[in-house]
């Protein structure tokens, strides 16, 4: 866990690619991607 103490996963996402009606399109899909303590435990194990 100490290895990641200065690592910032944070990513603000506003638009994403989605496959709809047999083609790739960009859609609004706002969210914030970040890791919590459990995510880091899983990452370390992996």
ModelCIF file with pLDDT and N, C-alpha, C, O atoms, coordinates in Angstrom:
data_MODEL
#
_entry.id   MODEL 
#
_entity.id                         1 
_entity.type                       polymer 
_entity.pdbx_number_of_molecules   1 
#
_entity_poly.entity_id                      1 
_entity_poly.type                           'polypeptide(L)' 
_entity_poly.nstd_linkage                   no 
_entity_poly.nstd_monomer                   no 
_entity_poly.pdbx_seq_one_letter_code       
;(UNK)(UNK)(UNK)(UNK)(UNK)(UNK)(UNK)(UNK)(UNK)(UNK)(UNK)(UNK)(UNK)(UNK)(UNK)(UNK)
(UNK)(UNK)(UNK)(UNK)(UNK)(UNK)(UNK)(UNK)(UNK)(UNK)(UNK)(UNK)(UNK)(UNK)(UNK)(UNK)
(UNK)(UNK)(UNK)(UNK)(UNK)(UNK)(UNK)(UNK)(UNK)(UNK)(UNK)(UNK)(UNK)(UNK)
;
_entity_poly.pdbx_seq_one_letter_code_can   XXXXXXXXXXXXXXXXXXXXXXXXXXXXXXXXXXXXXXXXXXXXXX 
_entity_poly.pdbx_strand_id                 A 
#
loop_
_entity_poly_seq.entity_id 
_entity_poly_seq.num 
_entity_poly_seq.mon_id 
_entity_poly_seq.hetero 
1 1  UNK n 
1 2  UNK n 
1 3  UNK n 
1 4  UNK n 
1 5  UNK n 
1 6  UNK n 
1 7  UNK n 
1 8  UNK n 
1 9  UNK n 
1 10 UNK n 
1 11 UNK n 
1 12 UNK n 
1 13 UNK n 
1 14 UNK n 
1 15 UNK n 
1 16 UNK n 
1 17 UNK n 
1 18 UNK n 
1 19 UNK n 
1 20 UNK n 
1 21 UNK n 
1 22 UNK n 
1 23 UNK n 
1 24 UNK n 
1 25 UNK n 
1 26 UNK n 
1 27 UNK n 
1 28 UNK n 
1 29 UNK n 
1 30 UNK n 
1 31 UNK n 
1 32 UNK n 
1 33 UNK n 
1 34 UNK n 
1 35 UNK n 
1 36 UNK n 
1 37 UNK n 
1 38 UNK n 
1 39 UNK n 
1 40 UNK n 
1 41 UNK n 
1 42 UNK n 
1 43 UNK n 
1 44 UNK n 
1 45 UNK n 
1 46 UNK n 
#
_struct_asym.id          A 
_struct_asym.entity_id   1 
#
loop_
_ma_qa_metric.id 
_ma_qa_metric.mode 
_ma_qa_metric.name 
_ma_qa_metric.software_group_id 
_ma_qa_metric.type 
1 global pLDDT . pLDDT 
2 local  pLDDT . pLDDT 
#
_ma_qa_metric_global.metric_id      1 
_ma_qa_metric_global.metric_value   94.24 
_ma_qa_metric_global.model_id       1 
_ma_qa_metric_global.ordinal_id     1 
#
loop_
_ma_qa_metric_local.label_asym_id 
_ma_qa_metric_local.label_comp_id 
_ma_qa_metric_local.label_seq_id 
_ma_qa_metric_local.metric_id 
_ma_qa_metric_local.metric_value 
_ma_qa_metric_local.model_id 
_ma_qa_metric_local.ordinal_id 
A UNK 1  2 97.00 1 1  
A UNK 2  2 97.00 1 2  
A UNK 3  2 98.00 1 3  
A UNK 4  2 98.00 1 4  
A UNK 5  2 96.00 1 5  
A UNK 6  2 96.00 1 6  
A UNK 7  2 97.00 1 7  
A UNK 8  2 96.00 1 8  
A UNK 9  2 95.00 1 9  
A UNK 10 2 90.00 1 10 
A UNK 11 2 92.00 1 11 
A UNK 12 2 91.00 1 12 
A UNK 13 2 92.00 1 13 
A UNK 14 2 94.00 1 14 
A UNK 15 2 96.00 1 15 
A UNK 16 2 95.00 1 16 
A UNK 17 2 95.00 1 17 
A UNK 18 2 95.00 1 18 
A UNK 19 2 90.00 1 19 
A UNK 20 2 91.00 1 20 
A UNK 21 2 93.00 1 21 
A UNK 22 2 91.00 1 22 
A UNK 23 2 92.00 1 23 
A UNK 24 2 93.00 1 24 
A UNK 25 2 92.00 1 25 
A UNK 26 2 96.00 1 26 
A UNK 27 2 94.00 1 27 
A UNK 28 2 95.00 1 28 
A UNK 29 2 92.00 1 29 
A UNK 30 2 90.00 1 30 
A UNK 31 2 90.00 1 31 
A UNK 32 2 90.00 1 32 
A UNK 33 2 89.00 1 33 
A UNK 34 2 93.00 1 34 
A UNK 35 2 93.00 1 35 
A UNK 36 2 93.00 1 36 
A UNK 37 2 94.00 1 37 
A UNK 38 2 96.00 1 38 
A UNK 39 2 95.00 1 39 
A UNK 40 2 97.00 1 40 
A UNK 41 2 97.00 1 41 
A UNK 42 2 97.00 1 42 
A UNK 43 2 98.00 1 43 
A UNK 44 2 98.00 1 44 
A UNK 45 2 98.00 1 45 
A UNK 46 2 98.00 1 46 
#
loop_
_atom_site.group_PDB 
_atom_site.id 
_atom_site.type_symbol 
_atom_site.label_atom_id 
_atom_site.label_alt_id 
_atom_site.label_comp_id 
_atom_site.label_asym_id 
_atom_site.label_entity_id 
_atom_site.label_seq_id 
_atom_site.pdbx_PDB_ins_code 
_atom_site.Cartn_x 
_atom_site.Cartn_y 
_atom_site.Cartn_z 
_atom_site.occupancy 
_atom_site.B_iso_or_equiv 
_atom_site.pdbx_formal_charge 
_atom_site.auth_seq_id 
_atom_site.auth_comp_id 
_atom_site.auth_asym_id 
_atom_site.auth_atom_id 
_atom_site.pdbx_PDB_model_num 
ATOM 1   N N  . UNK A 1 1  ? 0.811   -1.233 0.000   1.00 97.00 ? 1  UNK A N  1 
ATOM 2   C CA . UNK A 1 1  ? 0.000   0.000  0.000   1.00 97.00 ? 1  UNK A CA 1 
ATOM 3   C C  . UNK A 1 1  ? 0.842   1.280  0.000   1.00 97.00 ? 1  UNK A C  1 
ATOM 4   O O  . UNK A 1 1  ? 0.458   2.271  -0.621  1.00 97.00 ? 1  UNK A O  1 
ATOM 5   N N  . UNK A 1 2  ? 1.988   1.267  0.692   1.00 97.00 ? 2  UNK A N  1 
ATOM 6   C CA . UNK A 1 2  ? 2.830   2.468  0.763   1.00 97.00 ? 2  UNK A CA 1 
ATOM 7   C C  . UNK A 1 2  ? 3.339   2.906  -0.602  1.00 97.00 ? 2  UNK A C  1 
ATOM 8   O O  . UNK A 1 2  ? 3.587   4.091  -0.824  1.00 97.00 ? 2  UNK A O  1 
ATOM 9   N N  . UNK A 1 3  ? 3.496   1.959  -1.512  1.00 98.00 ? 3  UNK A N  1 
ATOM 10  C CA . UNK A 1 3  ? 3.972   2.284  -2.857  1.00 98.00 ? 3  UNK A CA 1 
ATOM 11  C C  . UNK A 1 3  ? 3.049   3.287  -3.545  1.00 98.00 ? 3  UNK A C  1 
ATOM 12  O O  . UNK A 1 3  ? 3.497   4.098  -4.356  1.00 98.00 ? 3  UNK A O  1 
ATOM 13  N N  . UNK A 1 4  ? 1.768   3.227  -3.219  1.00 98.00 ? 4  UNK A N  1 
ATOM 14  C CA . UNK A 1 4  ? 0.761   4.052  -3.901  1.00 98.00 ? 4  UNK A CA 1 
ATOM 15  C C  . UNK A 1 4  ? 0.394   5.330  -3.150  1.00 98.00 ? 4  UNK A C  1 
ATOM 16  O O  . UNK A 1 4  ? -0.534  6.029  -3.556  1.00 98.00 ? 4  UNK A O  1 
ATOM 17  N N  . UNK A 1 5  ? 1.092   5.648  -2.077  1.00 96.00 ? 5  UNK A N  1 
ATOM 18  C CA . UNK A 1 5  ? 0.688   6.792  -1.257  1.00 96.00 ? 5  UNK A CA 1 
ATOM 19  C C  . UNK A 1 5  ? 0.774   8.142  -1.972  1.00 96.00 ? 5  UNK A C  1 
ATOM 20  O O  . UNK A 1 5  ? 0.101   9.092  -1.572  1.00 96.00 ? 5  UNK A O  1 
ATOM 21  N N  . UNK A 1 6  ? 1.587   8.241  -3.016  1.00 96.00 ? 6  UNK A N  1 
ATOM 22  C CA . UNK A 1 6  ? 1.697   9.495  -3.776  1.00 96.00 ? 6  UNK A CA 1 
ATOM 23  C C  . UNK A 1 6  ? 1.152   9.351  -5.194  1.00 96.00 ? 6  UNK A C  1 
ATOM 24  O O  . UNK A 1 6  ? 1.380   10.210 -6.045  1.00 96.00 ? 6  UNK A O  1 
ATOM 25  N N  . UNK A 1 7  ? 0.431   8.258  -5.438  1.00 97.00 ? 7  UNK A N  1 
ATOM 26  C CA . UNK A 1 7  ? -0.147  8.005  -6.744  1.00 97.00 ? 7  UNK A CA 1 
ATOM 27  C C  . UNK A 1 7  ? -1.587  8.520  -6.745  1.00 97.00 ? 7  UNK A C  1 
ATOM 28  O O  . UNK A 1 7  ? -2.368  8.182  -5.856  1.00 97.00 ? 7  UNK A O  1 
ATOM 29  N N  . UNK A 1 8  ? -1.942  9.344  -7.748  1.00 96.00 ? 8  UNK A N  1 
ATOM 30  C CA . UNK A 1 8  ? -3.277  9.948  -7.823  1.00 96.00 ? 8  UNK A CA 1 
ATOM 31  C C  . UNK A 1 8  ? -4.009  9.370  -9.031  1.00 96.00 ? 8  UNK A C  1 
ATOM 32  O O  . UNK A 1 8  ? -3.732  9.752  -10.168 1.00 96.00 ? 8  UNK A O  1 
ATOM 33  N N  . UNK A 1 9  ? -4.931  8.461  -8.790  1.00 95.00 ? 9  UNK A N  1 
ATOM 34  C CA . UNK A 1 9  ? -5.681  7.816  -9.868  1.00 95.00 ? 9  UNK A CA 1 
ATOM 35  C C  . UNK A 1 9  ? -6.741  8.741  -10.472 1.00 95.00 ? 9  UNK A C  1 
ATOM 36  O O  . UNK A 1 9  ? -7.149  8.534  -11.615 1.00 95.00 ? 9  UNK A O  1 
ATOM 37  N N  . UNK A 1 10 ? -7.173  9.707  -9.764  1.00 90.00 ? 10 UNK A N  1 
ATOM 38  C CA . UNK A 1 10 ? -8.282  10.593 -10.098 1.00 90.00 ? 10 UNK A CA 1 
ATOM 39  C C  . UNK A 1 10 ? -8.354  10.943 -11.584 1.00 90.00 ? 10 UNK A C  1 
ATOM 40  O O  . UNK A 1 10 ? -7.361  11.356 -12.183 1.00 90.00 ? 10 UNK A O  1 
ATOM 41  N N  . UNK A 1 11 ? -9.544  10.773 -12.171 1.00 92.00 ? 11 UNK A N  1 
ATOM 42  C CA . UNK A 1 11 ? -9.783  11.151 -13.561 1.00 92.00 ? 11 UNK A CA 1 
ATOM 43  C C  . UNK A 1 11 ? -11.214 11.661 -13.694 1.00 92.00 ? 11 UNK A C  1 
ATOM 44  O O  . UNK A 1 11 ? -12.172 10.950 -13.389 1.00 92.00 ? 11 UNK A O  1 
ATOM 45  N N  . UNK A 1 12 ? -11.343 12.889 -14.149 1.00 91.00 ? 12 UNK A N  1 
ATOM 46  C CA . UNK A 1 12 ? -12.664 13.466 -14.414 1.00 91.00 ? 12 UNK A CA 1 
ATOM 47  C C  . UNK A 1 12 ? -13.023 13.112 -15.852 1.00 91.00 ? 12 UNK A C  1 
ATOM 48  O O  . UNK A 1 12 ? -12.323 13.495 -16.790 1.00 91.00 ? 12 UNK A O  1 
ATOM 49  N N  . UNK A 1 13 ? -14.109 12.385 -16.015 1.00 92.00 ? 13 UNK A N  1 
ATOM 50  C CA . UNK A 1 13 ? -14.544 11.927 -17.328 1.00 92.00 ? 13 UNK A CA 1 
ATOM 51  C C  . UNK A 1 13 ? -15.822 12.666 -17.699 1.00 92.00 ? 13 UNK A C  1 
ATOM 52  O O  . UNK A 1 13 ? -16.748 12.755 -16.892 1.00 92.00 ? 13 UNK A O  1 
ATOM 53  N N  . UNK A 1 14 ? -15.876 13.194 -18.912 1.00 94.00 ? 14 UNK A N  1 
ATOM 54  C CA . UNK A 1 14 ? -17.101 13.855 -19.374 1.00 94.00 ? 14 UNK A CA 1 
ATOM 55  C C  . UNK A 1 14 ? -17.722 13.123 -20.563 1.00 94.00 ? 14 UNK A C  1 
ATOM 56  O O  . UNK A 1 14 ? -18.945 13.025 -20.666 1.00 94.00 ? 14 UNK A O  1 
ATOM 57  N N  . UNK A 1 15 ? -16.884 12.615 -21.451 1.00 96.00 ? 15 UNK A N  1 
ATOM 58  C CA . UNK A 1 15 ? -17.389 11.944 -22.659 1.00 96.00 ? 15 UNK A CA 1 
ATOM 59  C C  . UNK A 1 15 ? -16.713 10.585 -22.816 1.00 96.00 ? 15 UNK A C  1 
ATOM 60  O O  . UNK A 1 15 ? -15.528 10.422 -22.529 1.00 96.00 ? 15 UNK A O  1 
ATOM 61  N N  . UNK A 1 16 ? -17.504 9.613  -23.283 1.00 95.00 ? 16 UNK A N  1 
ATOM 62  C CA . UNK A 1 16 ? -17.008 8.249  -23.479 1.00 95.00 ? 16 UNK A CA 1 
ATOM 63  C C  . UNK A 1 16 ? -17.470 7.710  -24.822 1.00 95.00 ? 16 UNK A C  1 
ATOM 64  O O  . UNK A 1 16 ? -18.479 8.144  -25.378 1.00 95.00 ? 16 UNK A O  1 
ATOM 65  N N  . UNK A 1 17 ? -16.713 6.764  -25.319 1.00 95.00 ? 17 UNK A N  1 
ATOM 66  C CA . UNK A 1 17 ? -17.096 6.031  -26.516 1.00 95.00 ? 17 UNK A CA 1 
ATOM 67  C C  . UNK A 1 17 ? -18.076 4.928  -26.126 1.00 95.00 ? 17 UNK A C  1 
ATOM 68  O O  . UNK A 1 17 ? -17.876 4.229  -25.134 1.00 95.00 ? 17 UNK A O  1 
ATOM 69  N N  . UNK A 1 18 ? -19.137 4.781  -26.918 1.00 95.00 ? 18 UNK A N  1 
ATOM 70  C CA . UNK A 1 18 ? -20.134 3.730  -26.699 1.00 95.00 ? 18 UNK A CA 1 
ATOM 71  C C  . UNK A 1 18 ? -20.488 3.107  -28.040 1.00 95.00 ? 18 UNK A C  1 
ATOM 72  O O  . UNK A 1 18 ? -20.553 3.791  -29.062 1.00 95.00 ? 18 UNK A O  1 
ATOM 73  N N  . UNK A 1 19 ? -20.718 1.798  -28.020 1.00 90.00 ? 19 UNK A N  1 
ATOM 74  C CA . UNK A 1 19 ? -21.111 1.083  -29.231 1.00 90.00 ? 19 UNK A CA 1 
ATOM 75  C C  . UNK A 1 19 ? -22.629 0.974  -29.238 1.00 90.00 ? 19 UNK A C  1 
ATOM 76  O O  . UNK A 1 19 ? -23.211 0.241  -28.439 1.00 90.00 ? 19 UNK A O  1 
ATOM 77  N N  . UNK A 1 20 ? -23.261 1.704  -30.139 1.00 91.00 ? 20 UNK A N  1 
ATOM 78  C CA . UNK A 1 20 ? -24.727 1.714  -30.240 1.00 91.00 ? 20 UNK A CA 1 
ATOM 79  C C  . UNK A 1 20 ? -25.131 1.658  -31.712 1.00 91.00 ? 20 UNK A C  1 
ATOM 80  O O  . UNK A 1 20 ? -24.510 2.296  -32.562 1.00 91.00 ? 20 UNK A O  1 
ATOM 81  N N  . UNK A 1 21 ? -26.154 0.904  -31.992 1.00 93.00 ? 21 UNK A N  1 
ATOM 82  C CA . UNK A 1 21 ? -26.672 0.769  -33.361 1.00 93.00 ? 21 UNK A CA 1 
ATOM 83  C C  . UNK A 1 21 ? -25.569 0.412  -34.353 1.00 93.00 ? 21 UNK A C  1 
ATOM 84  O O  . UNK A 1 21 ? -25.486 0.975  -35.445 1.00 93.00 ? 21 UNK A O  1 
ATOM 85  N N  . UNK A 1 22 ? -24.728 -0.532 -33.949 1.00 91.00 ? 22 UNK A N  1 
ATOM 86  C CA . UNK A 1 22 ? -23.650 -1.051 -34.795 1.00 91.00 ? 22 UNK A CA 1 
ATOM 87  C C  . UNK A 1 22 ? -22.581 -0.035 -35.173 1.00 91.00 ? 22 UNK A C  1 
ATOM 88  O O  . UNK A 1 22 ? -21.930 -0.180 -36.207 1.00 91.00 ? 22 UNK A O  1 
ATOM 89  N N  . UNK A 1 23 ? -22.392 0.997  -34.343 1.00 92.00 ? 23 UNK A N  1 
ATOM 90  C CA . UNK A 1 23 ? -21.309 1.953  -34.611 1.00 92.00 ? 23 UNK A CA 1 
ATOM 91  C C  . UNK A 1 23 ? -20.837 2.574  -33.300 1.00 92.00 ? 23 UNK A C  1 
ATOM 92  O O  . UNK A 1 23 ? -21.564 2.606  -32.307 1.00 92.00 ? 23 UNK A O  1 
ATOM 93  N N  . UNK A 1 24 ? -19.604 3.062  -33.325 1.00 93.00 ? 24 UNK A N  1 
ATOM 94  C CA . UNK A 1 24 ? -19.018 3.736  -32.170 1.00 93.00 ? 24 UNK A CA 1 
ATOM 95  C C  . UNK A 1 24 ? -19.373 5.212  -32.208 1.00 93.00 ? 24 UNK A C  1 
ATOM 96  O O  . UNK A 1 24 ? -19.193 5.872  -33.232 1.00 93.00 ? 24 UNK A O  1 
ATOM 97  N N  . UNK A 1 25 ? -19.877 5.732  -31.096 1.00 92.00 ? 25 UNK A N  1 
ATOM 98  C CA . UNK A 1 25 ? -20.218 7.153  -30.989 1.00 92.00 ? 25 UNK A CA 1 
ATOM 99  C C  . UNK A 1 25 ? -19.692 7.691  -29.657 1.00 92.00 ? 25 UNK A C  1 
ATOM 100 O O  . UNK A 1 25 ? -19.463 6.932  -28.715 1.00 92.00 ? 25 UNK A O  1 
ATOM 101 N N  . UNK A 1 26 ? -19.508 8.989  -29.597 1.00 96.00 ? 26 UNK A N  1 
ATOM 102 C CA . UNK A 1 26 ? -19.114 9.647  -28.351 1.00 96.00 ? 26 UNK A CA 1 
ATOM 103 C C  . UNK A 1 26 ? -20.383 10.154 -27.681 1.00 96.00 ? 26 UNK A C  1 
ATOM 104 O O  . UNK A 1 26 ? -21.214 10.815 -28.304 1.00 96.00 ? 26 UNK A O  1 
ATOM 105 N N  . UNK A 1 27 ? -20.513 9.828  -26.398 1.00 94.00 ? 27 UNK A N  1 
ATOM 106 C CA . UNK A 1 27 ? -21.691 10.240 -25.632 1.00 94.00 ? 27 UNK A CA 1 
ATOM 107 C C  . UNK A 1 27 ? -21.264 10.941 -24.353 1.00 94.00 ? 27 UNK A C  1 
ATOM 108 O O  . UNK A 1 27 ? -20.187 10.681 -23.816 1.00 94.00 ? 27 UNK A O  1 
ATOM 109 N N  . UNK A 1 28 ? -22.120 11.831 -23.874 1.00 95.00 ? 28 UNK A N  1 
ATOM 110 C CA . UNK A 1 28 ? -21.902 12.413 -22.554 1.00 95.00 ? 28 UNK A CA 1 
ATOM 111 C C  . UNK A 1 28 ? -22.079 11.303 -21.521 1.00 95.00 ? 28 UNK A C  1 
ATOM 112 O O  . UNK A 1 28 ? -23.096 10.609 -21.509 1.00 95.00 ? 28 UNK A O  1 
ATOM 113 N N  . UNK A 1 29 ? -21.096 11.145 -20.670 1.00 92.00 ? 29 UNK A N  1 
ATOM 114 C CA . UNK A 1 29 ? -21.148 10.122 -19.624 1.00 92.00 ? 29 UNK A CA 1 
ATOM 115 C C  . UNK A 1 29 ? -20.295 10.598 -18.451 1.00 92.00 ? 29 UNK A C  1 
ATOM 116 O O  . UNK A 1 29 ? -19.293 9.970  -18.110 1.00 92.00 ? 29 UNK A O  1 
ATOM 117 N N  . UNK A 1 30 ? -20.696 11.714 -17.834 1.00 90.00 ? 30 UNK A N  1 
ATOM 118 C CA . UNK A 1 30 ? -19.836 12.308 -16.800 1.00 90.00 ? 30 UNK A CA 1 
ATOM 119 C C  . UNK A 1 30 ? -19.771 11.480 -15.513 1.00 90.00 ? 30 UNK A C  1 
ATOM 120 O O  . UNK A 1 30 ? -20.785 11.026 -14.984 1.00 90.00 ? 30 UNK A O  1 
ATOM 121 N N  . UNK A 1 31 ? -18.554 11.307 -15.042 1.00 90.00 ? 31 UNK A N  1 
ATOM 122 C CA . UNK A 1 31 ? -18.313 10.693 -13.738 1.00 90.00 ? 31 UNK A CA 1 
ATOM 123 C C  . UNK A 1 31 ? -16.861 10.948 -13.346 1.00 90.00 ? 31 UNK A C  1 
ATOM 124 O O  . UNK A 1 31 ? -16.054 11.393 -14.162 1.00 90.00 ? 31 UNK A O  1 
ATOM 125 N N  . UNK A 1 32 ? -16.548 10.665 -12.112 1.00 90.00 ? 32 UNK A N  1 
ATOM 126 C CA . UNK A 1 32 ? -15.179 10.782 -11.627 1.00 90.00 ? 32 UNK A CA 1 
ATOM 127 C C  . UNK A 1 32 ? -14.684 9.379  -11.319 1.00 90.00 ? 32 UNK A C  1 
ATOM 128 O O  . UNK A 1 32 ? -15.296 8.642  -10.546 1.00 90.00 ? 32 UNK A O  1 
ATOM 129 N N  . UNK A 1 33 ? -13.568 9.024  -11.936 1.00 89.00 ? 33 UNK A N  1 
ATOM 130 C CA . UNK A 1 33 ? -12.968 7.716  -11.714 1.00 89.00 ? 33 UNK A CA 1 
ATOM 131 C C  . UNK A 1 33 ? -11.851 7.877  -10.691 1.00 89.00 ? 33 UNK A C  1 
ATOM 132 O O  . UNK A 1 33 ? -10.926 8.668  -10.881 1.00 89.00 ? 33 UNK A O  1 
ATOM 133 N N  . UNK A 1 34 ? -11.947 7.139  -9.635  1.00 93.00 ? 34 UNK A N  1 
ATOM 134 C CA . UNK A 1 34 ? -10.951 7.193  -8.576  1.00 93.00 ? 34 UNK A CA 1 
ATOM 135 C C  . UNK A 1 34 ? -10.937 5.839  -7.891  1.00 93.00 ? 34 UNK A C  1 
ATOM 136 O O  . UNK A 1 34 ? -11.872 5.054  -8.047  1.00 93.00 ? 34 UNK A O  1 
ATOM 137 N N  . UNK A 1 35 ? -9.901  5.562  -7.146  1.00 93.00 ? 35 UNK A N  1 
ATOM 138 C CA . UNK A 1 35 ? -9.805  4.296  -6.431  1.00 93.00 ? 35 UNK A CA 1 
ATOM 139 C C  . UNK A 1 35 ? -9.941  4.529  -4.945  1.00 93.00 ? 35 UNK A C  1 
ATOM 140 O O  . UNK A 1 35 ? -9.408  5.495  -4.400  1.00 93.00 ? 35 UNK A O  1 
ATOM 141 N N  . UNK A 1 36 ? -10.666 3.627  -4.292  1.00 93.00 ? 36 UNK A N  1 
ATOM 142 C CA . UNK A 1 36 ? -10.761 3.663  -2.837  1.00 93.00 ? 36 UNK A CA 1 
ATOM 143 C C  . UNK A 1 36 ? -9.810  2.610  -2.261  1.00 93.00 ? 36 UNK A C  1 
ATOM 144 O O  . UNK A 1 36 ? -9.085  1.942  -2.999  1.00 93.00 ? 36 UNK A O  1 
ATOM 145 N N  . UNK A 1 37 ? -9.825  2.474  -0.949  1.00 94.00 ? 37 UNK A N  1 
ATOM 146 C CA . UNK A 1 37 ? -8.908  1.548  -0.282  1.00 94.00 ? 37 UNK A CA 1 
ATOM 147 C C  . UNK A 1 37 ? -9.094  0.107  -0.767  1.00 94.00 ? 37 UNK A C  1 
ATOM 148 O O  . UNK A 1 37 ? -8.117  -0.618 -0.954  1.00 94.00 ? 37 UNK A O  1 
ATOM 149 N N  . UNK A 1 38 ? -10.325 -0.297 -0.965  1.00 96.00 ? 38 UNK A N  1 
ATOM 150 C CA . UNK A 1 38 ? -10.597 -1.653 -1.443  1.00 96.00 ? 38 UNK A CA 1 
ATOM 151 C C  . UNK A 1 38 ? -10.063 -1.862 -2.865  1.00 96.00 ? 38 UNK A C  1 
ATOM 152 O O  . UNK A 1 38 ? -9.537  -2.926 -3.190  1.00 96.00 ? 38 UNK A O  1 
ATOM 153 N N  . UNK A 1 39 ? -10.207 -0.827 -3.706  1.00 95.00 ? 39 UNK A N  1 
ATOM 154 C CA . UNK A 1 39 ? -9.671  -0.911 -5.070  1.00 95.00 ? 39 UNK A CA 1 
ATOM 155 C C  . UNK A 1 39 ? -8.148  -1.101 -5.048  1.00 95.00 ? 39 UNK A C  1 
ATOM 156 O O  . UNK A 1 39 ? -7.602  -1.882 -5.826  1.00 95.00 ? 39 UNK A O  1 
ATOM 157 N N  . UNK A 1 40 ? -7.470  -0.377 -4.147  1.00 97.00 ? 40 UNK A N  1 
ATOM 158 C CA . UNK A 1 40 ? -6.019  -0.523 -4.048  1.00 97.00 ? 40 UNK A CA 1 
ATOM 159 C C  . UNK A 1 40 ? -5.638  -1.921 -3.557  1.00 97.00 ? 40 UNK A C  1 
ATOM 160 O O  . UNK A 1 40 ? -4.661  -2.494 -4.040  1.00 97.00 ? 40 UNK A O  1 
ATOM 161 N N  . UNK A 1 41 ? -6.389  -2.475 -2.611  1.00 97.00 ? 41 UNK A N  1 
ATOM 162 C CA . UNK A 1 41 ? -6.115  -3.834 -2.132  1.00 97.00 ? 41 UNK A CA 1 
ATOM 163 C C  . UNK A 1 41 ? -6.234  -4.835 -3.282  1.00 97.00 ? 41 UNK A C  1 
ATOM 164 O O  . UNK A 1 41 ? -5.395  -5.724 -3.431  1.00 97.00 ? 41 UNK A O  1 
ATOM 165 N N  . UNK A 1 42 ? -7.275  -4.682 -4.084  1.00 97.00 ? 42 UNK A N  1 
ATOM 166 C CA . UNK A 1 42 ? -7.464  -5.567 -5.238  1.00 97.00 ? 42 UNK A CA 1 
ATOM 167 C C  . UNK A 1 42 ? -6.323  -5.388 -6.234  1.00 97.00 ? 42 UNK A C  1 
ATOM 168 O O  . UNK A 1 42 ? -5.776  -6.372 -6.732  1.00 97.00 ? 42 UNK A O  1 
ATOM 169 N N  . UNK A 1 43 ? -5.961  -4.144 -6.525  1.00 98.00 ? 43 UNK A N  1 
ATOM 170 C CA . UNK A 1 43 ? -4.865  -3.856 -7.446  1.00 98.00 ? 43 UNK A CA 1 
ATOM 171 C C  . UNK A 1 43 ? -3.569  -4.499 -6.970  1.00 98.00 ? 43 UNK A C  1 
ATOM 172 O O  . UNK A 1 43 ? -2.866  -5.136 -7.754  1.00 98.00 ? 43 UNK A O  1 
ATOM 173 N N  . UNK A 1 44 ? -3.253  -4.336 -5.699  1.00 98.00 ? 44 UNK A N  1 
ATOM 174 C CA . UNK A 1 44 ? -2.018  -4.893 -5.141  1.00 98.00 ? 44 UNK A CA 1 
ATOM 175 C C  . UNK A 1 44 ? -2.011  -6.407 -5.297  1.00 98.00 ? 44 UNK A C  1 
ATOM 176 O O  . UNK A 1 44 ? -1.003  -6.987 -5.702  1.00 98.00 ? 44 UNK A O  1 
ATOM 177 N N  . UNK A 1 45 ? -3.115  -7.040 -4.982  1.00 98.00 ? 45 UNK A N  1 
ATOM 178 C CA . UNK A 1 45 ? -3.219  -8.492 -5.124  1.00 98.00 ? 45 UNK A CA 1 
ATOM 179 C C  . UNK A 1 45 ? -3.017  -8.911 -6.587  1.00 98.00 ? 45 UNK A C  1 
ATOM 180 O O  . UNK A 1 45 ? -2.293  -9.866 -6.868  1.00 98.00 ? 45 UNK A O  1 
ATOM 181 N N  . UNK A 1 46 ? -3.650  -8.204 -7.499  1.00 98.00 ? 46 UNK A N  1 
ATOM 182 C CA . UNK A 1 46 ? -3.537  -8.528 -8.927  1.00 98.00 ? 46 UNK A CA 1 
ATOM 183 C C  . UNK A 1 46 ? -2.112  -8.334 -9.441  1.00 98.00 ? 46 UNK A C  1 
ATOM 184 O O  . UNK A 1 46 ? -1.845  -8.563 -10.621 1.00 98.00 ? 46 UNK A O  1 
#
